[in-house]
Amino acid sequence: MVIRKFEDIVAWQKAQDFACDIYSSFKSLKDFGFRDQICRAVVSISNNIAEGFDRSSNKDFNRFLYIALGSCSETRSMIYLAKKLDYIDEDNQNSLLANLKKFQKLLEDLLSH
């Protein structure tokens, strides 16, 4: 199957869903700096997939996929910190990390093709 638009990329779809999960998890957090940082990191994932897809070459697309993976790592790091700061409980942390890992695998699969 040929992907004609970034909206058809499953990793982009899952990254958008995950961003909604993060926004929901931290919507009432009063630490605005933390909330802003994790939200910017998670939104960057799907945005980099989209931007890379519309670049002129596979090399550029791959470069943006690596940037998206970096944003996954930043988001993952922030999730660990959120737990240490008692912004989320362990169940929420584990759920967020499991979801992140699932679509991060989709990004890695895109890079291996």
PDB file of N, CA and C in Angstrom:
ATOM      1  N   MET A   1       0.833  -1.186   0.000  1.00  0.00           N
ATOM      2  CA  MET A   1       0.000   0.000   0.000  1.00  0.00           C
ATOM      3  C   MET A   1       0.882   1.254   0.000  1.00  0.00           C
ATOM      4  N   VAL A   2       0.566   2.159  -0.865  1.00  0.00           N
ATOM      5  CA  VAL A   2       1.287   3.421  -0.948  1.00  0.00           C
ATOM      6  C   VAL A   2       0.566   4.450  -0.072  1.00  0.00           C
ATOM      7  N   ILE A   3       1.318   5.089   0.774  1.00  0.00           N
ATOM      8  CA  ILE A   3       0.753   6.134   1.634  1.00  0.00           C
ATOM      9  C   ILE A   3       0.838   7.454   0.874  1.00  0.00           C
ATOM     10  N   ARG A   4      -0.300   8.093   0.696  1.00  0.00           N
ATOM     11  CA  ARG A   4      -0.365   9.321  -0.097  1.00  0.00           C
ATOM     12  C   ARG A   4      -0.400  10.590   0.757  1.00  0.00           C
ATOM     13  N   LYS A   5      -0.790  10.447   2.015  1.00  0.00           N
ATOM     14  CA  LYS A   5      -0.834  11.613   2.900  1.00  0.00           C
ATOM     15  C   LYS A   5      -0.483  11.166   4.313  1.00  0.00           C
ATOM     16  N   PHE A   6       0.073  12.084   5.083  1.00  0.00           N
ATOM     17  CA  PHE A   6       0.563  11.703   6.410  1.00  0.00           C
ATOM     18  C   PHE A   6      -0.557  11.212   7.318  1.00  0.00           C
ATOM     19  N   GLU A   7      -1.781  11.650   7.079  1.00  0.00           N
ATOM     20  CA  GLU A   7      -2.901  11.207   7.910  1.00  0.00           C
ATOM     21  C   GLU A   7      -3.143   9.704   7.823  1.00  0.00           C
ATOM     22  N   ASP A   8      -2.614   9.073   6.773  1.00  0.00           N
ATOM     23  CA  ASP A   8      -2.768   7.626   6.601  1.00  0.00           C
ATOM     24  C   ASP A   8      -1.710   6.817   7.357  1.00  0.00           C
ATOM     25  N   ILE A   9      -0.714   7.481   7.897  1.00  0.00           N
ATOM     26  CA  ILE A   9       0.362   6.788   8.604  1.00  0.00           C
ATOM     27  C   ILE A   9      -0.134   6.406  10.001  1.00  0.00           C
ATOM     28  N   VAL A  10      -0.146   5.124  10.296  1.00  0.00           N
ATOM     29  CA  VAL A  10      -0.661   4.637  11.578  1.00  0.00           C
ATOM     30  C   VAL A  10       0.120   5.239  12.740  1.00  0.00           C
ATOM     31  N   ALA A  11       1.420   5.381  12.607  1.00  0.00           N
ATOM     32  CA  ALA A  11       2.225   5.963  13.684  1.00  0.00           C
ATOM     33  C   ALA A  11       1.785   7.398  13.967  1.00  0.00           C
ATOM     34  N   TRP A  12       1.448   8.161  12.943  1.00  0.00           N
ATOM     35  CA  TRP A  12       0.956   9.531  13.130  1.00  0.00           C
ATOM     36  C   TRP A  12      -0.383   9.502  13.877  1.00  0.00           C
ATOM     37  N   GLN A  13      -1.283   8.600  13.468  1.00  0.00           N
ATOM     38  CA  GLN A  13      -2.592   8.471  14.112  1.00  0.00           C
ATOM     39  C   GLN A  13      -2.437   8.145  15.598  1.00  0.00           C
ATOM     40  N   LYS A  14      -1.565   7.175  15.886  1.00  0.00           N
ATOM     41  CA  LYS A  14      -1.348   6.763  17.279  1.00  0.00           C
ATOM     42  C   LYS A  14      -0.674   7.875  18.094  1.00  0.00           C
ATOM     43  N   ALA A  15       0.219   8.622  17.457  1.00  0.00           N
ATOM     44  CA  ALA A  15       0.879   9.735  18.147  1.00  0.00           C
ATOM     45  C   ALA A  15      -0.140  10.817  18.501  1.00  0.00           C
ATOM     46  N   GLN A  16      -1.099  11.058  17.617  1.00  0.00           N
ATOM     47  CA  GLN A  16      -2.163  12.019  17.915  1.00  0.00           C
ATOM     48  C   GLN A  16      -3.004  11.534  19.098  1.00  0.00           C
ATOM     49  N   ASP A  17      -3.348  10.251  19.089  1.00  0.00           N
ATOM     50  CA  ASP A  17      -4.117   9.679  20.204  1.00  0.00           C
ATOM     51  C   ASP A  17      -3.345   9.797  21.510  1.00  0.00           C
ATOM     52  N   PHE A  18      -2.044   9.518  21.445  1.00  0.00           N
ATOM     53  CA  PHE A  18      -1.229   9.588  22.649  1.00  0.00           C
ATOM     54  C   PHE A  18      -1.135  11.019  23.169  1.00  0.00           C
ATOM     55  N   ALA A  19      -1.056  11.981  22.265  1.00  0.00           N
ATOM     56  CA  ALA A  19      -1.033  13.384  22.688  1.00  0.00           C
ATOM     57  C   ALA A  19      -2.310  13.717  23.466  1.00  0.00           C
ATOM     58  N   CYS A  20      -3.433  13.201  23.012  1.00  0.00           N
ATOM     59  CA  CYS A  20      -4.696  13.415  23.735  1.00  0.00           C
ATOM     60  C   CYS A  20      -4.636  12.794  25.129  1.00  0.00           C
ATOM     61  N   ASP A  21      -4.016  11.609  25.234  1.00  0.00           N
ATOM     62  CA  ASP A  21      -3.855  10.960  26.543  1.00  0.00           C
ATOM     63  C   ASP A  21      -3.021  11.829  27.492  1.00  0.00           C
ATOM     64  N   ILE A  22      -1.942  12.371  26.972  1.00  0.00           N
ATOM     65  CA  ILE A  22      -1.068  13.219  27.793  1.00  0.00           C
ATOM     66  C   ILE A  22      -1.817  14.480  28.224  1.00  0.00           C
ATOM     67  N   TYR A  23      -2.492  15.125  27.284  1.00  0.00           N
ATOM     68  CA  TYR A  23      -3.253  16.326  27.631  1.00  0.00           C
ATOM     69  C   TYR A  23      -4.284  16.019  28.718  1.00  0.00           C
ATOM     70  N   SER A  24      -4.971  14.880  28.599  1.00  0.00           N
ATOM     71  CA  SER A  24      -5.966  14.500  29.609  1.00  0.00           C
ATOM     72  C   SER A  24      -5.325  14.246  30.966  1.00  0.00           C
ATOM     73  N   SER A  25      -4.175  13.587  30.952  1.00  0.00           N
ATOM     74  CA  SER A  25      -3.508  13.243  32.206  1.00  0.00           C
ATOM     75  C   SER A  25      -3.021  14.466  32.981  1.00  0.00           C
ATOM     76  N   PHE A  26      -2.704  15.541  32.275  1.00  0.00           N
ATOM     77  CA  PHE A  26      -2.104  16.701  32.928  1.00  0.00           C
ATOM     78  C   PHE A  26      -2.939  17.971  32.818  1.00  0.00           C
ATOM     79  N   LYS A  27      -4.199  17.850  32.390  1.00  0.00           N
ATOM     80  CA  LYS A  27      -5.008  19.053  32.135  1.00  0.00           C
ATOM     81  C   LYS A  27      -5.247  19.914  33.365  1.00  0.00           C
ATOM     82  N   SER A  28      -5.295  19.320  34.547  1.00  0.00           N
ATOM     83  CA  SER A  28      -5.522  20.134  35.738  1.00  0.00           C
ATOM     84  C   SER A  28      -4.267  20.380  36.557  1.00  0.00           C
ATOM     85  N   LEU A  29      -3.125  20.027  36.006  1.00  0.00           N
ATOM     86  CA  LEU A  29      -1.861  20.242  36.711  1.00  0.00           C
ATOM     87  C   LEU A  29      -1.567  21.738  36.810  1.00  0.00           C
ATOM     88  N   LYS A  30      -1.256  22.168  38.027  1.00  0.00           N
ATOM     89  CA  LYS A  30      -0.979  23.594  38.260  1.00  0.00           C
ATOM     90  C   LYS A  30       0.470  23.978  37.946  1.00  0.00           C
ATOM     91  N   ASP A  31       1.347  22.993  37.767  1.00  0.00           N
ATOM     92  CA  ASP A  31       2.730  23.271  37.380  1.00  0.00           C
ATOM     93  C   ASP A  31       2.721  23.509  35.868  1.00  0.00           C
ATOM     94  N   PHE A  32       2.464  24.768  35.505  1.00  0.00           N
ATOM     95  CA  PHE A  32       2.265  25.108  34.094  1.00  0.00           C
ATOM     96  C   PHE A  32       3.512  24.887  33.256  1.00  0.00           C
ATOM     97  N   GLY A  33       4.684  25.090  33.842  1.00  0.00           N
ATOM     98  CA  GLY A  33       5.926  24.859  33.106  1.00  0.00           C
ATOM     99  C   GLY A  33       6.077  23.395  32.731  1.00  0.00           C
ATOM    100  N   PHE A  34       5.817  22.514  33.682  1.00  0.00           N
ATOM    101  CA  PHE A  34       5.904  21.079  33.416  1.00  0.00           C
ATOM    102  C   PHE A  34       4.860  20.674  32.381  1.00  0.00           C
ATOM    103  N   ARG A  35       3.630  21.114  32.605  1.00  0.00           N
ATOM    104  CA  ARG A  35       2.534  20.758  31.690  1.00  0.00           C
ATOM    105  C   ARG A  35       2.834  21.234  30.265  1.00  0.00           C
ATOM    106  N   ASP A  36       3.324  22.448  30.153  1.00  0.00           N
ATOM    107  CA  ASP A  36       3.653  22.990  28.835  1.00  0.00           C
ATOM    108  C   ASP A  36       4.758  22.170  28.167  1.00  0.00           C
ATOM    109  N   GLN A  37       5.771  21.805  28.926  1.00  0.00           N
ATOM    110  CA  GLN A  37       6.907  21.067  28.365  1.00  0.00           C
ATOM    111  C   GLN A  37       6.499  19.682  27.869  1.00  0.00           C
ATOM    112  N   ILE A  38       5.744  18.934  28.664  1.00  0.00           N
ATOM    113  CA  ILE A  38       5.359  17.586  28.239  1.00  0.00           C
ATOM    114  C   ILE A  38       4.381  17.650  27.067  1.00  0.00           C
ATOM    115  N   CYS A  39       3.520  18.655  27.065  1.00  0.00           N
ATOM    116  CA  CYS A  39       2.585  18.800  25.944  1.00  0.00           C
ATOM    117  C   CYS A  39       3.316  19.185  24.661  1.00  0.00           C
ATOM    118  N   ARG A  40       4.287  20.066  24.757  1.00  0.00           N
ATOM    119  CA  ARG A  40       5.066  20.417  23.558  1.00  0.00           C
ATOM    120  C   ARG A  40       5.836  19.214  23.036  1.00  0.00           C
ATOM    121  N   ALA A  41       6.406  18.429  23.945  1.00  0.00           N
ATOM    122  CA  ALA A  41       7.173  17.251  23.532  1.00  0.00           C
ATOM    123  C   ALA A  41       6.283  16.237  22.823  1.00  0.00           C
ATOM    124  N   VAL A  42       5.109  15.963  23.378  1.00  0.00           N
ATOM    125  CA  VAL A  42       4.252  14.936  22.792  1.00  0.00           C
ATOM    126  C   VAL A  42       3.646  15.399  21.459  1.00  0.00           C
ATOM    127  N   VAL A  43       3.326  16.664  21.342  1.00  0.00           N
ATOM    128  CA  VAL A  43       2.787  17.181  20.077  1.00  0.00           C
ATOM    129  C   VAL A  43       3.855  17.148  18.987  1.00  0.00           C
ATOM    130  N   SER A  44       5.090  17.334  19.388  1.00  0.00           N
ATOM    131  CA  SER A  44       6.199  17.314  18.445  1.00  0.00           C
ATOM    132  C   SER A  44       6.322  15.967  17.722  1.00  0.00           C
ATOM    133  N   ILE A  45       5.870  14.904  18.359  1.00  0.00           N
ATOM    134  CA  ILE A  45       5.996  13.578  17.748  1.00  0.00           C
ATOM    135  C   ILE A  45       5.188  13.514  16.452  1.00  0.00           C
ATOM    136  N   SER A  46       3.895  13.757  16.536  1.00  0.00           N
ATOM    137  CA  SER A  46       3.065  13.667  15.332  1.00  0.00           C
ATOM    138  C   SER A  46       3.407  14.775  14.332  1.00  0.00           C
ATOM    139  N   ASN A  47       3.766  15.953  14.830  1.00  0.00           N
ATOM    140  CA  ASN A  47       4.123  17.044  13.917  1.00  0.00           C
ATOM    141  C   ASN A  47       5.362  16.715  13.092  1.00  0.00           C
ATOM    142  N   ASN A  48       6.337  16.066  13.702  1.00  0.00           N
ATOM    143  CA  ASN A  48       7.541  15.705  12.948  1.00  0.00           C
ATOM    144  C   ASN A  48       7.269  14.598  11.937  1.00  0.00           C
ATOM    145  N   ILE A  49       6.381  13.676  12.262  1.00  0.00           N
ATOM    146  CA  ILE A  49       5.994  12.658  11.273  1.00  0.00           C
ATOM    147  C   ILE A  49       5.344  13.346  10.079  1.00  0.00           C
ATOM    148  N   ALA A  50       4.422  14.260  10.350  1.00  0.00           N
ATOM    149  CA  ALA A  50       3.715  14.970   9.283  1.00  0.00           C
ATOM    150  C   ALA A  50       4.678  15.811   8.441  1.00  0.00           C
ATOM    151  N   GLU A  51       5.520  16.585   9.104  1.00  0.00           N
ATOM    152  CA  GLU A  51       6.447  17.455   8.384  1.00  0.00           C
ATOM    153  C   GLU A  51       7.422  16.641   7.545  1.00  0.00           C
ATOM    154  N   GLY A  52       7.939  15.577   8.115  1.00  0.00           N
ATOM    155  CA  GLY A  52       8.887  14.748   7.384  1.00  0.00           C
ATOM    156  C   GLY A  52       8.269  14.080   6.168  1.00  0.00           C
ATOM    157  N   PHE A  53       7.015  13.662   6.297  1.00  0.00           N
ATOM    158  CA  PHE A  53       6.352  13.001   5.180  1.00  0.00           C
ATOM    159  C   PHE A  53       6.257  13.919   3.963  1.00  0.00           C
ATOM    160  N   ASP A  54       6.014  15.190   4.211  1.00  0.00           N
ATOM    161  CA  ASP A  54       5.855  16.129   3.100  1.00  0.00           C
ATOM    162  C   ASP A  54       7.163  16.763   2.647  1.00  0.00           C
ATOM    163  N   ARG A  55       8.277  16.249   3.089  1.00  0.00           N
ATOM    164  CA  ARG A  55       9.576  16.687   2.585  1.00  0.00           C
ATOM    165  C   ARG A  55       9.858  16.018   1.255  1.00  0.00           C
ATOM    166  N   SER A  56      10.930  16.405   0.629  1.00  0.00           N
ATOM    167  CA  SER A  56      11.185  16.001  -0.754  1.00  0.00           C
ATOM    168  C   SER A  56      11.850  14.643  -0.932  1.00  0.00           C
ATOM    169  N   SER A  57      12.271  14.009   0.151  1.00  0.00           N
ATOM    170  CA  SER A  57      12.995  12.749  -0.023  1.00  0.00           C
ATOM    171  C   SER A  57      12.780  11.815   1.160  1.00  0.00           C
ATOM    172  N   ASN A  58      13.062  10.543   0.924  1.00  0.00           N
ATOM    173  CA  ASN A  58      13.002   9.565   2.019  1.00  0.00           C
ATOM    174  C   ASN A  58      14.040   9.875   3.087  1.00  0.00           C
ATOM    175  N   LYS A  59      15.185  10.404   2.661  1.00  0.00           N
ATOM    176  CA  LYS A  59      16.226  10.769   3.617  1.00  0.00           C
ATOM    177  C   LYS A  59      15.710  11.833   4.583  1.00  0.00           C
ATOM    178  N   ASP A  60      15.029  12.848   4.052  1.00  0.00           N
ATOM    179  CA  ASP A  60      14.445  13.883   4.912  1.00  0.00           C
ATOM    180  C   ASP A  60      13.371  13.296   5.819  1.00  0.00           C
ATOM    181  N   PHE A  61      12.524  12.415   5.273  1.00  0.00           N
ATOM    182  CA  PHE A  61      11.472  11.787   6.070  1.00  0.00           C
ATOM    183  C   PHE A  61      12.091  11.021   7.239  1.00  0.00           C
ATOM    184  N   ASN A  62      13.122  10.245   6.945  1.00  0.00           N
ATOM    185  CA  ASN A  62      13.793   9.482   8.005  1.00  0.00           C
ATOM    186  C   ASN A  62      14.386  10.399   9.073  1.00  0.00           C
ATOM    187  N   ARG A  63      14.957  11.515   8.642  1.00  0.00           N
ATOM    188  CA  ARG A  63      15.535  12.472   9.595  1.00  0.00           C
ATOM    189  C   ARG A  63      14.453  12.971  10.557  1.00  0.00           C
ATOM    190  N   PHE A  64      13.285  13.273  10.037  1.00  0.00           N
ATOM    191  CA  PHE A  64      12.189  13.742  10.890  1.00  0.00           C
ATOM    192  C   PHE A  64      11.635  12.616  11.756  1.00  0.00           C
ATOM    193  N   LEU A  65      11.671  11.385  11.273  1.00  0.00           N
ATOM    194  CA  LEU A  65      11.256  10.256  12.111  1.00  0.00           C
ATOM    195  C   LEU A  65      12.193  10.110  13.306  1.00  0.00           C
ATOM    196  N   TYR A  66      13.487  10.333  13.077  1.00  0.00           N
ATOM    197  CA  TYR A  66      14.436  10.290  14.195  1.00  0.00           C
ATOM    198  C   TYR A  66      14.174  11.428  15.189  1.00  0.00           C
ATOM    199  N   ILE A  67      13.801  12.584  14.687  1.00  0.00           N
ATOM    200  CA  ILE A  67      13.447  13.692  15.573  1.00  0.00           C
ATOM    201  C   ILE A  67      12.206  13.315  16.384  1.00  0.00           C
ATOM    202  N   ALA A  68      11.227  12.672  15.734  1.00  0.00           N
ATOM    203  CA  ALA A  68      10.022  12.210  16.434  1.00  0.00           C
ATOM    204  C   ALA A  68      10.390  11.205  17.527  1.00  0.00           C
ATOM    205  N   LEU A  69      11.337  10.315  17.216  1.00  0.00           N
ATOM    206  CA  LEU A  69      11.796   9.362  18.242  1.00  0.00           C
ATOM    207  C   LEU A  69      12.436  10.093  19.419  1.00  0.00           C
ATOM    208  N   GLY A  70      13.176  11.145  19.128  1.00  0.00           N
ATOM    209  CA  GLY A  70      13.761  11.952  20.199  1.00  0.00           C
ATOM    210  C   GLY A  70      12.684  12.583  21.070  1.00  0.00           C
ATOM    211  N   SER A  71      11.604  13.023  20.449  1.00  0.00           N
ATOM    212  CA  SER A  71      10.490  13.589  21.214  1.00  0.00           C
ATOM    213  C   SER A  71       9.792  12.516  22.043  1.00  0.00           C
ATOM    214  N   CYS A  72       9.774  11.288  21.540  1.00  0.00           N
ATOM    215  CA  CYS A  72       9.257  10.159  22.340  1.00  0.00           C
ATOM    216  C   CYS A  72      10.096   9.994  23.606  1.00  0.00           C
ATOM    217  N   SER A  73      11.402  10.079  23.442  1.00  0.00           N
ATOM    218  CA  SER A  73      12.294   9.930  24.594  1.00  0.00           C
ATOM    219  C   SER A  73      12.100  11.065  25.591  1.00  0.00           C
ATOM    220  N   GLU A  74      11.945  12.265  25.088  1.00  0.00           N
ATOM    221  CA  GLU A  74      11.704  13.404  25.979  1.00  0.00           C
ATOM    222  C   GLU A  74      10.387  13.208  26.736  1.00  0.00           C
ATOM    223  N   THR A  75       9.345  12.775  26.035  1.00  0.00           N
ATOM    224  CA  THR A  75       8.054  12.541  26.669  1.00  0.00           C
ATOM    225  C   THR A  75       8.165  11.437  27.715  1.00  0.00           C
ATOM    226  N   ARG A  76       8.872  10.367  27.363  1.00  0.00           N
ATOM    227  CA  ARG A  76       9.064   9.262  28.305  1.00  0.00           C
ATOM    228  C   ARG A  76       9.774   9.745  29.567  1.00  0.00           C
ATOM    229  N   SER A  77      10.807  10.543  29.408  1.00  0.00           N
ATOM    230  CA  SER A  77      11.543  11.091  30.541  1.00  0.00           C
ATOM    231  C   SER A  77      10.624  11.943  31.422  1.00  0.00           C
ATOM    232  N   MET A  78       9.778  12.724  30.801  1.00  0.00           N
ATOM    233  CA  MET A  78       8.851  13.577  31.551  1.00  0.00           C
ATOM    234  C   MET A  78       7.809  12.744  32.304  1.00  0.00           C
ATOM    235  N   ILE A  79       7.406  11.617  31.726  1.00  0.00           N
ATOM    236  CA  ILE A  79       6.456  10.733  32.410  1.00  0.00           C
ATOM    237  C   ILE A  79       7.088  10.180  33.688  1.00  0.00           C
ATOM    238  N   TYR A  80       8.352   9.764  33.602  1.00  0.00           N
ATOM    239  CA  TYR A  80       9.052   9.293  34.803  1.00  0.00           C
ATOM    240  C   TYR A  80       9.132  10.404  35.858  1.00  0.00           C
ATOM    241  N   LEU A  81       9.449  11.602  35.410  1.00  0.00           N
ATOM    242  CA  LEU A  81       9.545  12.725  36.337  1.00  0.00           C
ATOM    243  C   LEU A  81       8.181  13.040  36.946  1.00  0.00           C
ATOM    244  N   ALA A  82       7.136  12.946  36.142  1.00  0.00           N
ATOM    245  CA  ALA A  82       5.784  13.203  36.656  1.00  0.00           C
ATOM    246  C   ALA A  82       5.448  12.262  37.801  1.00  0.00           C
ATOM    247  N   LYS A  83       5.845  11.029  37.681  1.00  0.00           N
ATOM    248  CA  LYS A  83       5.605  10.061  38.758  1.00  0.00           C
ATOM    249  C   LYS A  83       6.425  10.441  40.004  1.00  0.00           C
ATOM    250  N   LYS A  84       7.688  10.795  39.814  1.00  0.00           N
ATOM    251  CA  LYS A  84       8.546  11.170  40.952  1.00  0.00           C
ATOM    252  C   LYS A  84       8.008  12.408  41.677  1.00  0.00           C
ATOM    253  N   LEU A  85       7.368  13.288  40.926  1.00  0.00           N
ATOM    254  CA  LEU A  85       6.810  14.512  41.509  1.00  0.00           C
ATOM    255  C   LEU A  85       5.380  14.309  42.018  1.00  0.00           C
ATOM    256  N   ASP A  86       4.892  13.088  41.928  1.00  0.00           N
ATOM    257  CA  ASP A  86       3.522  12.748  42.335  1.00  0.00           C
ATOM    258  C   ASP A  86       2.451  13.484  41.531  1.00  0.00           C
ATOM    259  N   TYR A  87       2.763  13.769  40.268  1.00  0.00           N
ATOM    260  CA  TYR A  87       1.765  14.360  39.388  1.00  0.00           C
ATOM    261  C   TYR A  87       0.845  13.283  38.806  1.00  0.00           C
ATOM    262  N   ILE A  88       1.359  12.050  38.726  1.00  0.00           N
ATOM    263  CA  ILE A  88       0.574  10.900  38.282  1.00  0.00           C
ATOM    264  C   ILE A  88       0.891   9.726  39.198  1.00  0.00           C
ATOM    265  N   ASP A  89      -0.022   8.763  39.234  1.00  0.00           N
ATOM    266  CA  ASP A  89       0.242   7.575  40.047  1.00  0.00           C
ATOM    267  C   ASP A  89       0.932   6.506  39.185  1.00  0.00           C
ATOM    268  N   GLU A  90       1.308   5.427  39.813  1.00  0.00           N
ATOM    269  CA  GLU A  90       2.073   4.386  39.119  1.00  0.00           C
ATOM    270  C   GLU A  90       1.267   3.719  38.007  1.00  0.00           C
ATOM    271  N   ASP A  91      -0.028   3.515  38.220  1.00  0.00           N
ATOM    272  CA  ASP A  91      -0.863   2.910  37.175  1.00  0.00           C
ATOM    273  C   ASP A  91      -0.923   3.795  35.933  1.00  0.00           C
ATOM    274  N   ASN A  92      -1.097   5.095  36.147  1.00  0.00           N
ATOM    275  CA  ASN A  92      -1.131   6.027  35.019  1.00  0.00           C
ATOM    276  C   ASN A  92       0.223   6.057  34.314  1.00  0.00           C
ATOM    277  N   GLN A  93       1.298   6.075  35.089  1.00  0.00           N
ATOM    278  CA  GLN A  93       2.635   6.054  34.501  1.00  0.00           C
ATOM    279  C   GLN A  93       2.810   4.807  33.624  1.00  0.00           C
ATOM    280  N   ASN A  94       2.466   3.648  34.175  1.00  0.00           N
ATOM    281  CA  ASN A  94       2.642   2.400  33.425  1.00  0.00           C
ATOM    282  C   ASN A  94       1.793   2.376  32.161  1.00  0.00           C
ATOM    283  N   SER A  95       0.588   2.874  32.244  1.00  0.00           N
ATOM    284  CA  SER A  95      -0.298   2.923  31.082  1.00  0.00           C
ATOM    285  C   SER A  95       0.265   3.844  30.001  1.00  0.00           C
ATOM    286  N   LEU A  96       0.703   5.031  30.406  1.00  0.00           N
ATOM    287  CA  LEU A  96       1.276   5.980  29.435  1.00  0.00           C
ATOM    288  C   LEU A  96       2.540   5.409  28.793  1.00  0.00           C
ATOM    289  N   LEU A  97       3.402   4.810  29.594  1.00  0.00           N
ATOM    290  CA  LEU A  97       4.646   4.245  29.047  1.00  0.00           C
ATOM    291  C   LEU A  97       4.359   3.085  28.098  1.00  0.00           C
ATOM    292  N   ALA A  98       3.369   2.256  28.412  1.00  0.00           N
ATOM    293  CA  ALA A  98       3.019   1.136  27.532  1.00  0.00           C
ATOM    294  C   ALA A  98       2.483   1.641  26.200  1.00  0.00           C
ATOM    295  N   ASN A  99       1.633   2.666  26.243  1.00  0.00           N
ATOM    296  CA  ASN A  99       1.108   3.231  24.996  1.00  0.00           C
ATOM    297  C   ASN A  99       2.203   3.885  24.171  1.00  0.00           C
ATOM    298  N   LEU A 100       3.092   4.589  24.836  1.00  0.00           N
ATOM    299  CA  LEU A 100       4.210   5.230  24.145  1.00  0.00           C
ATOM    300  C   LEU A 100       5.083   4.183  23.460  1.00  0.00           C
ATOM    301  N   LYS A 101       5.354   3.103  24.159  1.00  0.00           N
ATOM    302  CA  LYS A 101       6.207   2.047  23.605  1.00  0.00           C
ATOM    303  C   LYS A 101       5.583   1.427  22.353  1.00  0.00           C
ATOM    304  N   LYS A 102       4.265   1.257  22.343  1.00  0.00           N
ATOM    305  CA  LYS A 102       3.577   0.656  21.200  1.00  0.00           C
ATOM    306  C   LYS A 102       3.749   1.488  19.932  1.00  0.00           C
ATOM    307  N   PHE A 103       3.502   2.772  20.026  1.00  0.00           N
ATOM    308  CA  PHE A 103       3.617   3.536  18.785  1.00  0.00           C
ATOM    309  C   PHE A 103       5.049   3.933  18.476  1.00  0.00           C
ATOM    310  N   GLN A 104       5.930   3.930  19.471  1.00  0.00           N
ATOM    311  CA  GLN A 104       7.355   4.130  19.189  1.00  0.00           C
ATOM    312  C   GLN A 104       7.861   2.991  18.310  1.00  0.00           C
ATOM    313  N   LYS A 105       7.355   1.790  18.553  1.00  0.00           N
ATOM    314  CA  LYS A 105       7.701   0.627  17.721  1.00  0.00           C
ATOM    315  C   LYS A 105       7.253   0.858  16.278  1.00  0.00           C
ATOM    316  N   LEU A 106       6.094   1.480  16.096  1.00  0.00           N
ATOM    317  CA  LEU A 106       5.624   1.799  14.742  1.00  0.00           C
ATOM    318  C   LEU A 106       6.591   2.747  14.038  1.00  0.00           C
ATOM    319  N   LEU A 107       7.120   3.725  14.774  1.00  0.00           N
ATOM    320  CA  LEU A 107       8.115   4.636  14.197  1.00  0.00           C
ATOM    321  C   LEU A 107       9.379   3.883  13.800  1.00  0.00           C
ATOM    322  N   GLU A 108       9.829   3.000  14.681  1.00  0.00           N
ATOM    323  CA  GLU A 108      11.028   2.226  14.377  1.00  0.00           C
ATOM    324  C   GLU A 108      10.809   1.329  13.161  1.00  0.00           C
ATOM    325  N   ASP A 109       9.608   0.782  13.019  1.00  0.00           N
ATOM    326  CA  ASP A 109       9.283  -0.033  11.845  1.00  0.00           C
ATOM    327  C   ASP A 109       9.313   0.803  10.566  1.00  0.00           C
ATOM    328  N   LEU A 110       8.828   2.040  10.634  1.00  0.00           N
ATOM    329  CA  LEU A 110       8.886   2.931   9.473  1.00  0.00           C
ATOM    330  C   LEU A 110      10.337   3.194   9.058  1.00  0.00           C
ATOM    331  N   LEU A 111      11.193   3.358  10.046  1.00  0.00           N
ATOM    332  CA  LEU A 111      12.602   3.628   9.758  1.00  0.00           C
ATOM    333  C   LEU A 111      13.319   2.420   9.158  1.00  0.00           C
ATOM    334  N   SER A 112      12.830   1.232   9.445  1.00  0.00           N
ATOM    335  CA  SER A 112      13.520   0.030   8.948  1.00  0.00           C
ATOM    336  C   SER A 112      13.102  -0.328   7.516  1.00  0.00           C
ATOM    337  N   HIS A 113      12.163   0.423   6.949  1.00  0.00           N
ATOM    338  CA  HIS A 113      11.748   0.132   5.563  1.00  0.00           C
ATOM    339  C   HIS A 113      12.416   1.024   4.567  1.00  0.00           C
TER     340      HIS A 113
END
